[in-house]
Amino acid sequence: MKQLIFMVCLSSLVGIQCTEAQKGEFTEVIKKEIPFSNSTENTVIVKNVFGSISVEGYSGSTIMVAVEKTITADNSTDLELGKQELSLQVIQEDDKVFLHPDAPYIEFDKNQLKYNWCNNYQEPPYEHQMDFKIKVPYSVQINVSTVNNGEVSVKNTKGTYLQAENVNGGITLSNVTGKTKVNCINGAVNISYTENPKSPSKYYSLNGDINISYQKALSANISFKSMNGEMFTDFDINKQFMKTNKEQGGKAKYKFEVKPVVQIGNGQVDFDFETLNGNVFIKKI
């Protein structure tokens, strides 16, 4: 009887090992070169779901793309399906280039810059990740976002507009310029400017600190809203006041919101900061 029990256990163990052995991972690097002039009117848009995005400005006139595509699955059939289904989609228009993952279960609306995930499809039987590394001409505008399993990084760009979003990960913008819109849900935001934005900019982090460095000649009105955070700065503050925003919508005809504002310099441009569970640190370079 004892021998029989031992044989059954051994058979079960072998079965488990065989099942685990069937699990697989596939990785490849997809490279693209897209001619794109170094113009402030041009925009590079990267919309990812699973994975990181890293963008770096350089002096060329071509978008250099390297995407590491990783598929993991429980068996070779599902792994092969993922290899065949998932691809990099590149859409080029006169003044825009769109980059995003593509598969039968991914529907991307380039006008709204939104996904319709698994529309009329079941969840795929595999997991995937696409990590973007991109070099862009210095002066182009940038709009990048991801959702899971990655960070968003932009550095050494000189465009007039920069938008970065991340849901489960941080955002780092280093040595950048231009009007800025940042939205981060679960992660820290770190930004440094080589030239201060000349247009109104917005910075939002739900659960994470915002660390931002401006050039010392900053002249801005800075509004701040937080439930559990505070704002700190080493700039000299000229004055403080309250600002009332009036928005239309909802059941009420208008919604009024009052925010404290600090003025640095002559207050030539408006910067809006908001967190829920995070502090804001505004520093001079």
C-alpha atoms as a PDB file:
ATOM      1  CA  MET A   1       0.000   0.000   0.000  1.00  0.00           C
ATOM      2  CA  LYS A   2       2.822   2.395   0.887  1.00  0.00           C
ATOM      3  CA  GLN A   3       4.517   1.667  -2.436  1.00  0.00           C
ATOM      4  CA  LEU A   4       1.310   2.388  -4.340  1.00  0.00           C
ATOM      5  CA  ILE A   5       0.894   5.781  -2.636  1.00  0.00           C
ATOM      6  CA  PHE A   6       4.496   6.647  -3.488  1.00  0.00           C
ATOM      7  CA  MET A   7       3.975   5.810  -7.173  1.00  0.00           C
ATOM      8  CA  VAL A   8       0.816   7.927  -7.361  1.00  0.00           C
ATOM      9  CA  CYS A   9       2.602  10.893  -5.786  1.00  0.00           C
ATOM     10  CA  LEU A  10       5.517  10.478  -8.164  1.00  0.00           C
ATOM     11  CA  SER A  11       3.196  10.399 -11.166  1.00  0.00           C
ATOM     12  CA  SER A  12       1.478  13.573  -9.968  1.00  0.00           C
ATOM     13  CA  LEU A  13       4.821  15.308  -9.530  1.00  0.00           C
ATOM     14  CA  VAL A  14       5.928  14.409 -13.026  1.00  0.00           C
ATOM     15  CA  GLY A  15       2.622  15.727 -14.385  1.00  0.00           C
ATOM     16  CA  ILE A  16       3.134  19.066 -12.652  1.00  0.00           C
ATOM     17  CA  GLN A  17       6.674  19.362 -13.952  1.00  0.00           C
ATOM     18  CA  CYS A  18       5.535  18.654 -17.491  1.00  0.00           C
ATOM     19  CA  THR A  19       2.825  21.300 -17.262  1.00  0.00           C
ATOM     20  CA  GLU A  20       5.290  23.890 -16.002  1.00  0.00           C
ATOM     21  CA  ALA A  21       7.745  22.950 -18.723  1.00  0.00           C
ATOM     22  CA  GLN A  22       5.145  23.800 -21.324  1.00  0.00           C
ATOM     23  CA  LYS A  23       4.964  27.435 -20.162  1.00  0.00           C
ATOM     24  CA  GLY A  24       6.867  29.669 -22.519  1.00  0.00           C
ATOM     25  CA  GLU A  25       8.087  33.178 -23.239  1.00  0.00           C
ATOM     26  CA  PHE A  26       8.900  34.816 -26.534  1.00  0.00           C
ATOM     27  CA  THR A  27      10.775  38.089 -26.988  1.00  0.00           C
ATOM     28  CA  GLU A  28      11.652  40.037 -30.099  1.00  0.00           C
ATOM     29  CA  VAL A  29      12.699  43.610 -30.861  1.00  0.00           C
ATOM     30  CA  ILE A  30      10.735  45.430 -33.537  1.00  0.00           C
ATOM     31  CA  LYS A  31      12.645  48.292 -35.175  1.00  0.00           C
ATOM     32  CA  LYS A  32      11.260  51.048 -37.372  1.00  0.00           C
ATOM     33  CA  GLU A  33      12.664  54.219 -38.919  1.00  0.00           C
ATOM     34  CA  ILE A  34      10.083  56.845 -39.840  1.00  0.00           C
ATOM     35  CA  PRO A  35      11.105  60.019 -41.715  1.00  0.00           C
ATOM     36  CA  PHE A  36       9.706  63.022 -39.813  1.00  0.00           C
ATOM     37  CA  SER A  37      10.881  66.612 -40.056  1.00  0.00           C
ATOM     38  CA  ASN A  38      12.136  68.503 -37.011  1.00  0.00           C
ATOM     39  CA  SER A  39       9.158  70.876 -36.873  1.00  0.00           C
ATOM     40  CA  THR A  40       7.256  72.310 -33.893  1.00  0.00           C
ATOM     41  CA  GLU A  41       4.041  71.582 -35.806  1.00  0.00           C
ATOM     42  CA  ASN A  42       4.678  67.829 -35.858  1.00  0.00           C
ATOM     43  CA  THR A  43       3.484  65.446 -33.117  1.00  0.00           C
ATOM     44  CA  VAL A  44       4.579  61.968 -32.058  1.00  0.00           C
ATOM     45  CA  ILE A  45       1.832  60.023 -30.247  1.00  0.00           C
ATOM     46  CA  VAL A  46       2.568  56.781 -28.384  1.00  0.00           C
ATOM     47  CA  LYS A  47      -0.343  54.980 -26.694  1.00  0.00           C
ATOM     48  CA  ASN A  48       0.707  51.844 -24.854  1.00  0.00           C
ATOM     49  CA  VAL A  49      -1.192  49.522 -22.489  1.00  0.00           C
ATOM     50  CA  PHE A  50       1.319  47.065 -20.964  1.00  0.00           C
ATOM     51  CA  GLY A  51       4.900  48.295 -20.823  1.00  0.00           C
ATOM     52  CA  SER A  52       7.205  51.291 -20.594  1.00  0.00           C
ATOM     53  CA  ILE A  53       7.756  54.249 -22.893  1.00  0.00           C
ATOM     54  CA  SER A  54      11.112  56.004 -23.193  1.00  0.00           C
ATOM     55  CA  VAL A  55      11.469  58.989 -25.531  1.00  0.00           C
ATOM     56  CA  GLU A  56      14.641  60.957 -26.200  1.00  0.00           C
ATOM     57  CA  GLY A  57      15.145  63.990 -28.401  1.00  0.00           C
ATOM     58  CA  TYR A  58      18.025  64.194 -30.884  1.00  0.00           C
ATOM     59  CA  SER A  59      19.153  66.325 -33.836  1.00  0.00           C
ATOM     60  CA  GLY A  60      17.972  64.027 -36.634  1.00  0.00           C
ATOM     61  CA  SER A  61      14.904  64.058 -38.892  1.00  0.00           C
ATOM     62  CA  THR A  62      13.833  60.451 -38.387  1.00  0.00           C
ATOM     63  CA  ILE A  63      11.850  58.742 -35.628  1.00  0.00           C
ATOM     64  CA  MET A  64      13.946  55.799 -34.464  1.00  0.00           C
ATOM     65  CA  VAL A  65      11.756  53.126 -32.868  1.00  0.00           C
ATOM     66  CA  ALA A  66      12.783  49.988 -30.982  1.00  0.00           C
ATOM     67  CA  VAL A  67       9.984  48.034 -29.293  1.00  0.00           C
ATOM     68  CA  GLU A  68      10.700  44.975 -27.195  1.00  0.00           C
ATOM     69  CA  LYS A  69       7.690  42.689 -27.561  1.00  0.00           C
ATOM     70  CA  THR A  70       7.281  39.960 -24.952  1.00  0.00           C
ATOM     71  CA  ILE A  71       4.653  37.193 -25.021  1.00  0.00           C
ATOM     72  CA  THR A  72       4.114  34.735 -22.160  1.00  0.00           C
ATOM     73  CA  ALA A  73       1.673  31.824 -22.231  1.00  0.00           C
ATOM     74  CA  ASP A  74       0.879  28.552 -20.465  1.00  0.00           C
ATOM     75  CA  ASN A  75       1.425  26.423 -23.563  1.00  0.00           C
ATOM     76  CA  SER A  76       3.063  26.539 -26.959  1.00  0.00           C
ATOM     77  CA  THR A  77      -0.239  26.940 -28.844  1.00  0.00           C
ATOM     78  CA  ASP A  78      -1.194  30.104 -26.986  1.00  0.00           C
ATOM     79  CA  LEU A  79       2.367  31.391 -27.237  1.00  0.00           C
ATOM     80  CA  GLU A  80       2.333  30.984 -30.999  1.00  0.00           C
ATOM     81  CA  LEU A  81      -1.029  32.738 -31.169  1.00  0.00           C
ATOM     82  CA  GLY A  82       0.371  35.717 -29.296  1.00  0.00           C
ATOM     83  CA  LYS A  83       3.390  35.869 -31.590  1.00  0.00           C
ATOM     84  CA  GLN A  84       1.092  36.016 -34.604  1.00  0.00           C
ATOM     85  CA  GLU A  85      -1.591  38.352 -33.235  1.00  0.00           C
ATOM     86  CA  LEU A  86       0.314  41.107 -31.445  1.00  0.00           C
ATOM     87  CA  SER A  87       2.116  43.677 -33.562  1.00  0.00           C
ATOM     88  CA  LEU A  88       3.245  47.291 -33.624  1.00  0.00           C
ATOM     89  CA  GLN A  89       0.920  49.631 -35.498  1.00  0.00           C
ATOM     90  CA  VAL A  90       2.379  52.762 -37.111  1.00  0.00           C
ATOM     91  CA  ILE A  91       0.044  55.379 -38.594  1.00  0.00           C
ATOM     92  CA  GLN A  92       1.659  58.316 -40.352  1.00  0.00           C
ATOM     93  CA  GLU A  93      -0.161  61.475 -41.343  1.00  0.00           C
ATOM     94  CA  ASP A  94       1.142  64.808 -42.611  1.00  0.00           C
ATOM     95  CA  ASP A  95       1.958  66.208 -39.169  1.00  0.00           C
ATOM     96  CA  LYS A  96       1.417  63.221 -36.850  1.00  0.00           C
ATOM     97  CA  VAL A  97       2.800  59.751 -36.223  1.00  0.00           C
ATOM     98  CA  PHE A  98       0.821  57.296 -34.072  1.00  0.00           C
ATOM     99  CA  LEU A  99       2.451  54.256 -32.464  1.00  0.00           C
ATOM    100  CA  HIS A 100       0.448  51.658 -30.547  1.00  0.00           C
ATOM    101  CA  PRO A 101       0.086  47.890 -29.988  1.00  0.00           C
ATOM    102  CA  ASP A 102      -2.302  46.159 -32.362  1.00  0.00           C
ATOM    103  CA  ALA A 103      -4.185  42.839 -32.223  1.00  0.00           C
ATOM    104  CA  PRO A 104      -7.668  41.545 -33.111  1.00  0.00           C
ATOM    105  CA  TYR A 105      -8.885  42.341 -29.573  1.00  0.00           C
ATOM    106  CA  ILE A 106      -7.429  45.897 -29.594  1.00  0.00           C
ATOM    107  CA  GLU A 107      -9.469  48.628 -31.233  1.00  0.00           C
ATOM    108  CA  PHE A 108      -7.728  52.013 -31.235  1.00  0.00           C
ATOM    109  CA  ASP A 109      -9.522  55.288 -31.991  1.00  0.00           C
ATOM    110  CA  LYS A 110      -6.823  57.665 -33.185  1.00  0.00           C
ATOM    111  CA  ASN A 111      -9.174  60.642 -33.166  1.00  0.00           C
ATOM    112  CA  GLN A 112     -10.110  60.213 -29.492  1.00  0.00           C
ATOM    113  CA  LEU A 113      -6.780  58.535 -28.619  1.00  0.00           C
ATOM    114  CA  LYS A 114      -8.669  55.788 -26.791  1.00  0.00           C
ATOM    115  CA  TYR A 115      -8.807  51.981 -26.781  1.00  0.00           C
ATOM    116  CA  ASN A 116     -11.825  49.714 -27.009  1.00  0.00           C
ATOM    117  CA  TRP A 117     -10.365  46.585 -25.417  1.00  0.00           C
ATOM    118  CA  CYS A 118     -11.656  43.119 -26.355  1.00  0.00           C
ATOM    119  CA  ASN A 119     -14.524  44.521 -28.418  1.00  0.00           C
ATOM    120  CA  ASN A 120     -16.493  41.389 -29.403  1.00  0.00           C
ATOM    121  CA  TYR A 121     -13.444  39.297 -28.472  1.00  0.00           C
ATOM    122  CA  GLN A 122     -12.544  37.245 -25.424  1.00  0.00           C
ATOM    123  CA  GLU A 123      -9.465  38.020 -23.357  1.00  0.00           C
ATOM    124  CA  PRO A 124      -6.417  36.574 -25.143  1.00  0.00           C
ATOM    125  CA  PRO A 125      -5.023  33.328 -23.700  1.00  0.00           C
ATOM    126  CA  TYR A 126      -1.578  34.920 -23.273  1.00  0.00           C
ATOM    127  CA  GLU A 127       0.004  37.941 -21.608  1.00  0.00           C
ATOM    128  CA  HIS A 128       1.981  40.565 -23.457  1.00  0.00           C
ATOM    129  CA  GLN A 129       4.177  43.587 -22.897  1.00  0.00           C
ATOM    130  CA  MET A 130       5.626  46.138 -25.306  1.00  0.00           C
ATOM    131  CA  ASP A 131       8.465  48.374 -24.119  1.00  0.00           C
ATOM    132  CA  PHE A 132       9.040  51.384 -26.381  1.00  0.00           C
ATOM    133  CA  LYS A 133      12.408  53.107 -26.837  1.00  0.00           C
ATOM    134  CA  ILE A 134      12.111  56.015 -29.242  1.00  0.00           C
ATOM    135  CA  LYS A 135      14.360  58.803 -30.486  1.00  0.00           C
ATOM    136  CA  VAL A 136      12.544  61.792 -31.961  1.00  0.00           C
ATOM    137  CA  PRO A 137      13.608  65.062 -33.602  1.00  0.00           C
ATOM    138  CA  TYR A 138      14.165  67.685 -30.888  1.00  0.00           C
ATOM    139  CA  SER A 139      11.347  70.071 -31.721  1.00  0.00           C
ATOM    140  CA  VAL A 140       8.342  67.776 -32.212  1.00  0.00           C
ATOM    141  CA  GLN A 141       5.367  67.783 -29.845  1.00  0.00           C
ATOM    142  CA  ILE A 142       4.928  64.640 -27.737  1.00  0.00           C
ATOM    143  CA  ASN A 143       1.893  62.785 -26.398  1.00  0.00           C
ATOM    144  CA  VAL A 144       2.650  59.516 -24.583  1.00  0.00           C
ATOM    145  CA  SER A 145       0.761  57.227 -22.211  1.00  0.00           C
ATOM    146  CA  THR A 146       0.743  53.717 -20.753  1.00  0.00           C
ATOM    147  CA  VAL A 147      -1.397  51.827 -18.235  1.00  0.00           C
ATOM    148  CA  ASN A 148       0.399  48.893 -16.583  1.00  0.00           C
ATOM    149  CA  ASN A 149       3.841  47.400 -15.997  1.00  0.00           C
ATOM    150  CA  GLY A 150       5.919  50.379 -16.979  1.00  0.00           C
ATOM    151  CA  GLU A 151       7.303  53.873 -16.527  1.00  0.00           C
ATOM    152  CA  VAL A 152       7.016  56.880 -18.820  1.00  0.00           C
ATOM    153  CA  SER A 153      10.218  58.792 -19.544  1.00  0.00           C
ATOM    154  CA  VAL A 154      10.884  61.756 -21.839  1.00  0.00           C
ATOM    155  CA  LYS A 155      14.199  63.577 -21.994  1.00  0.00           C
ATOM    156  CA  ASN A 156      16.119  66.190 -23.980  1.00  0.00           C
ATOM    157  CA  THR A 157      13.204  67.486 -26.054  1.00  0.00           C
ATOM    158  CA  LYS A 158      12.545  71.063 -27.170  1.00  0.00           C
ATOM    159  CA  GLY A 159       8.940  70.958 -28.404  1.00  0.00           C
ATOM    160  CA  THR A 160       6.166  73.420 -27.628  1.00  0.00           C
ATOM    161  CA  TYR A 161       3.820  70.786 -26.119  1.00  0.00           C
ATOM    162  CA  LEU A 162       4.331  67.699 -23.989  1.00  0.00           C
ATOM    163  CA  GLN A 163       1.631  65.389 -22.602  1.00  0.00           C
ATOM    164  CA  ALA A 164       2.419  62.341 -20.456  1.00  0.00           C
ATOM    165  CA  GLU A 165       0.052  59.933 -18.693  1.00  0.00           C
ATOM    166  CA  ASN A 166       0.509  56.771 -16.641  1.00  0.00           C
ATOM    167  CA  VAL A 167      -1.885  54.743 -14.509  1.00  0.00           C
ATOM    168  CA  ASN A 168       0.302  52.260 -12.611  1.00  0.00           C
ATOM    169  CA  GLY A 169       3.780  53.699 -12.790  1.00  0.00           C
ATOM    170  CA  GLY A 170       5.721  56.929 -12.596  1.00  0.00           C
ATOM    171  CA  ILE A 171       6.480  59.747 -15.022  1.00  0.00           C
ATOM    172  CA  THR A 172       9.902  61.359 -15.508  1.00  0.00           C
ATOM    173  CA  LEU A 173      10.428  64.334 -17.824  1.00  0.00           C
ATOM    174  CA  SER A 174      14.065  65.481 -17.908  1.00  0.00           C
ATOM    175  CA  ASN A 175      15.487  68.555 -19.653  1.00  0.00           C
ATOM    176  CA  VAL A 176      12.259  69.353 -21.484  1.00  0.00           C
ATOM    177  CA  THR A 177      10.428  72.477 -22.671  1.00  0.00           C
ATOM    178  CA  GLY A 178       6.924  73.565 -23.648  1.00  0.00           C
ATOM    179  CA  LYS A 179       3.369  73.592 -22.381  1.00  0.00           C
ATOM    180  CA  THR A 180       2.915  70.499 -20.226  1.00  0.00           C
ATOM    181  CA  LYS A 181       0.020  68.267 -19.226  1.00  0.00           C
ATOM    182  CA  VAL A 182       0.785  65.427 -16.803  1.00  0.00           C
ATOM    183  CA  ASN A 183      -1.638  62.889 -15.352  1.00  0.00           C
ATOM    184  CA  CYS A 184      -0.362  60.129 -13.074  1.00  0.00           C
ATOM    185  CA  ILE A 185      -2.540  57.841 -10.936  1.00  0.00           C
ATOM    186  CA  ASN A 186      -0.219  55.546  -8.965  1.00  0.00           C
ATOM    187  CA  GLY A 187       3.313  56.824  -9.156  1.00  0.00           C
ATOM    188  CA  ALA A 188       5.692  59.725  -8.648  1.00  0.00           C
ATOM    189  CA  VAL A 189       6.148  62.590 -11.097  1.00  0.00           C
ATOM    190  CA  ASN A 190       9.609  64.087 -11.640  1.00  0.00           C
ATOM    191  CA  ILE A 191      10.132  66.981 -14.062  1.00  0.00           C
ATOM    192  CA  SER A 192      12.993  69.335 -14.939  1.00  0.00           C
ATOM    193  CA  TYR A 193      12.869  72.112 -17.528  1.00  0.00           C
ATOM    194  CA  THR A 194      15.677  73.578 -19.594  1.00  0.00           C
ATOM    195  CA  GLU A 195      13.271  76.415 -20.446  1.00  0.00           C
ATOM    196  CA  ASN A 196      10.178  77.294 -18.407  1.00  0.00           C
ATOM    197  CA  PRO A 197       6.791  76.767 -20.089  1.00  0.00           C
ATOM    198  CA  LYS A 198       5.339  79.918 -21.637  1.00  0.00           C
ATOM    199  CA  SER A 199       1.774  78.568 -21.709  1.00  0.00           C
ATOM    200  CA  PRO A 200      -0.579  77.350 -18.939  1.00  0.00           C
ATOM    201  CA  SER A 201       0.347  73.853 -17.757  1.00  0.00           C
ATOM    202  CA  LYS A 202      -1.325  71.225 -15.559  1.00  0.00           C
ATOM    203  CA  TYR A 203       0.201  68.596 -13.284  1.00  0.00           C
ATOM    204  CA  TYR A 204      -1.872  65.880 -11.587  1.00  0.00           C
ATOM    205  CA  SER A 205      -0.881  62.936  -9.411  1.00  0.00           C
ATOM    206  CA  LEU A 206      -3.441  60.924  -7.456  1.00  0.00           C
ATOM    207  CA  ASN A 207      -1.111  58.820  -5.306  1.00  0.00           C
ATOM    208  CA  GLY A 208       2.407  60.173  -5.496  1.00  0.00           C
ATOM    209  CA  ASP A 209       4.593  63.239  -5.055  1.00  0.00           C
ATOM    210  CA  ILE A 210       5.293  65.784  -7.772  1.00  0.00           C
ATOM    211  CA  ASN A 211       8.912  66.970  -7.865  1.00  0.00           C
ATOM    212  CA  ILE A 212       9.426  69.747 -10.400  1.00  0.00           C
ATOM    213  CA  SER A 213      12.388  72.002 -11.186  1.00  0.00           C
ATOM    214  CA  TYR A 214      12.046  75.283 -13.090  1.00  0.00           C
ATOM    215  CA  GLN A 215      14.685  77.723 -14.255  1.00  0.00           C
ATOM    216  CA  LYS A 216      15.290  80.461 -11.664  1.00  0.00           C
ATOM    217  CA  ALA A 217      13.689  83.164 -13.852  1.00  0.00           C
ATOM    218  CA  LEU A 218      10.240  81.614 -13.259  1.00  0.00           C
ATOM    219  CA  SER A 219       7.273  84.016 -13.405  1.00  0.00           C
ATOM    220  CA  ALA A 220       4.028  82.159 -12.704  1.00  0.00           C
ATOM    221  CA  ASN A 221       0.796  81.952 -10.756  1.00  0.00           C
ATOM    222  CA  ILE A 222       0.760  78.522  -9.150  1.00  0.00           C
ATOM    223  CA  SER A 223      -2.536  77.057  -7.926  1.00  0.00           C
ATOM    224  CA  PHE A 224      -2.586  74.009  -5.690  1.00  0.00           C
ATOM    225  CA  LYS A 225      -5.261  71.549  -4.588  1.00  0.00           C
ATOM    226  CA  SER A 226      -4.814  68.446  -2.427  1.00  0.00           C
ATOM    227  CA  MET A 227      -6.704  66.409   0.134  1.00  0.00           C
ATOM    228  CA  ASN A 228      -3.711  64.937   1.978  1.00  0.00           C
ATOM    229  CA  GLY A 229      -0.701  66.773   0.578  1.00  0.00           C
ATOM    230  CA  GLU A 230       1.228  70.014   0.916  1.00  0.00           C
ATOM    231  CA  MET A 231       3.205  72.262  -1.426  1.00  0.00           C
ATOM    232  CA  PHE A 232       6.813  73.350  -0.814  1.00  0.00           C
ATOM    233  CA  THR A 233       9.051  75.708  -2.805  1.00  0.00           C
ATOM    234  CA  ASP A 234      12.427  77.440  -2.564  1.00  0.00           C
ATOM    235  CA  PHE A 235      11.287  80.259  -4.875  1.00  0.00           C
ATOM    236  CA  ASP A 236      10.484  83.650  -3.355  1.00  0.00           C
ATOM    237  CA  ILE A 237       6.729  84.220  -3.218  1.00  0.00           C
ATOM    238  CA  ASN A 238       5.501  87.682  -4.159  1.00  0.00           C
ATOM    239  CA  LYS A 239       1.929  87.260  -2.968  1.00  0.00           C
ATOM    240  CA  GLN A 240      -0.810  84.754  -2.216  1.00  0.00           C
ATOM    241  CA  PHE A 241      -4.475  84.899  -3.177  1.00  0.00           C
ATOM    242  CA  MET A 242      -7.530  82.729  -3.882  1.00  0.00           C
ATOM    243  CA  LYS A 243      -8.674  81.859  -7.390  1.00  0.00           C
ATOM    244  CA  THR A 244     -12.241  80.915  -8.293  1.00  0.00           C
ATOM    245  CA  ASN A 245     -12.815  78.603 -11.255  1.00  0.00           C
ATOM    246  CA  LYS A 246     -16.229  78.505 -12.865  1.00  0.00           C
ATOM    247  CA  GLU A 247     -17.186  75.381 -14.830  1.00  0.00           C
ATOM    248  CA  GLN A 248     -20.425  74.500 -16.566  1.00  0.00           C
ATOM    249  CA  GLY A 249     -21.885  71.014 -16.318  1.00  0.00           C
ATOM    250  CA  GLY A 250     -23.677  68.493 -14.138  1.00  0.00           C
ATOM    251  CA  LYS A 251     -27.081  69.036 -12.551  1.00  0.00           C
ATOM    252  CA  ALA A 252     -26.116  72.493 -11.378  1.00  0.00           C
ATOM    253  CA  LYS A 253     -25.717  75.084 -14.067  1.00  0.00           C
ATOM    254  CA  TYR A 254     -22.289  76.105 -12.830  1.00  0.00           C
ATOM    255  CA  LYS A 255     -19.651  74.625 -10.552  1.00  0.00           C
ATOM    256  CA  PHE A 256     -17.416  76.952  -8.571  1.00  0.00           C
ATOM    257  CA  GLU A 257     -14.064  75.858  -7.204  1.00  0.00           C
ATOM    258  CA  VAL A 258     -11.724  77.971  -5.079  1.00  0.00           C
ATOM    259  CA  LYS A 259      -7.984  77.264  -5.039  1.00  0.00           C
ATOM    260  CA  PRO A 260      -5.126  78.985  -3.225  1.00  0.00           C
ATOM    261  CA  VAL A 261      -2.581  80.594  -5.554  1.00  0.00           C
ATOM    262  CA  VAL A 262       0.991  81.730  -4.965  1.00  0.00           C
ATOM    263  CA  GLN A 263       2.628  84.211  -7.307  1.00  0.00           C
ATOM    264  CA  ILE A 264       6.268  83.790  -8.233  1.00  0.00           C
ATOM    265  CA  GLY A 265       7.842  86.672 -10.124  1.00  0.00           C
ATOM    266  CA  ASN A 266       5.252  88.673 -12.046  1.00  0.00           C
ATOM    267  CA  GLY A 267       2.855  85.743 -12.493  1.00  0.00           C
ATOM    268  CA  GLN A 268       2.990  85.718 -16.292  1.00  0.00           C
ATOM    269  CA  VAL A 269       1.655  82.171 -16.776  1.00  0.00           C
ATOM    270  CA  ASP A 270      -0.695  79.862 -14.843  1.00  0.00           C
ATOM    271  CA  PHE A 271       0.443  76.472 -13.555  1.00  0.00           C
ATOM    272  CA  ASP A 272      -2.097  74.169 -11.894  1.00  0.00           C
ATOM    273  CA  PHE A 273      -1.079  71.419  -9.458  1.00  0.00           C
ATOM    274  CA  GLU A 274      -3.366  68.784  -7.952  1.00  0.00           C
ATOM    275  CA  THR A 275      -2.788  65.678  -5.842  1.00  0.00           C
ATOM    276  CA  LEU A 276      -4.865  63.487  -3.566  1.00  0.00           C
ATOM    277  CA  ASN A 277      -2.189  61.669  -1.549  1.00  0.00           C
ATOM    278  CA  GLY A 278       1.037  63.414  -2.434  1.00  0.00           C
ATOM    279  CA  ASN A 279       3.122  66.520  -1.880  1.00  0.00           C
ATOM    280  CA  VAL A 280       4.332  69.025  -4.462  1.00  0.00           C
ATOM    281  CA  PHE A 281       7.957  70.210  -4.396  1.00  0.00           C
ATOM    282  CA  ILE A 282       8.734  73.181  -6.663  1.00  0.00           C
ATOM    283  CA  LYS A 283      12.445  73.912  -6.940  1.00  0.00           C
ATOM    284  CA  LYS A 284      14.677  76.331  -8.813  1.00  0.00           C
ATOM    285  CA  ILE A 285      17.544  75.173 -11.025  1.00  0.00           C
END
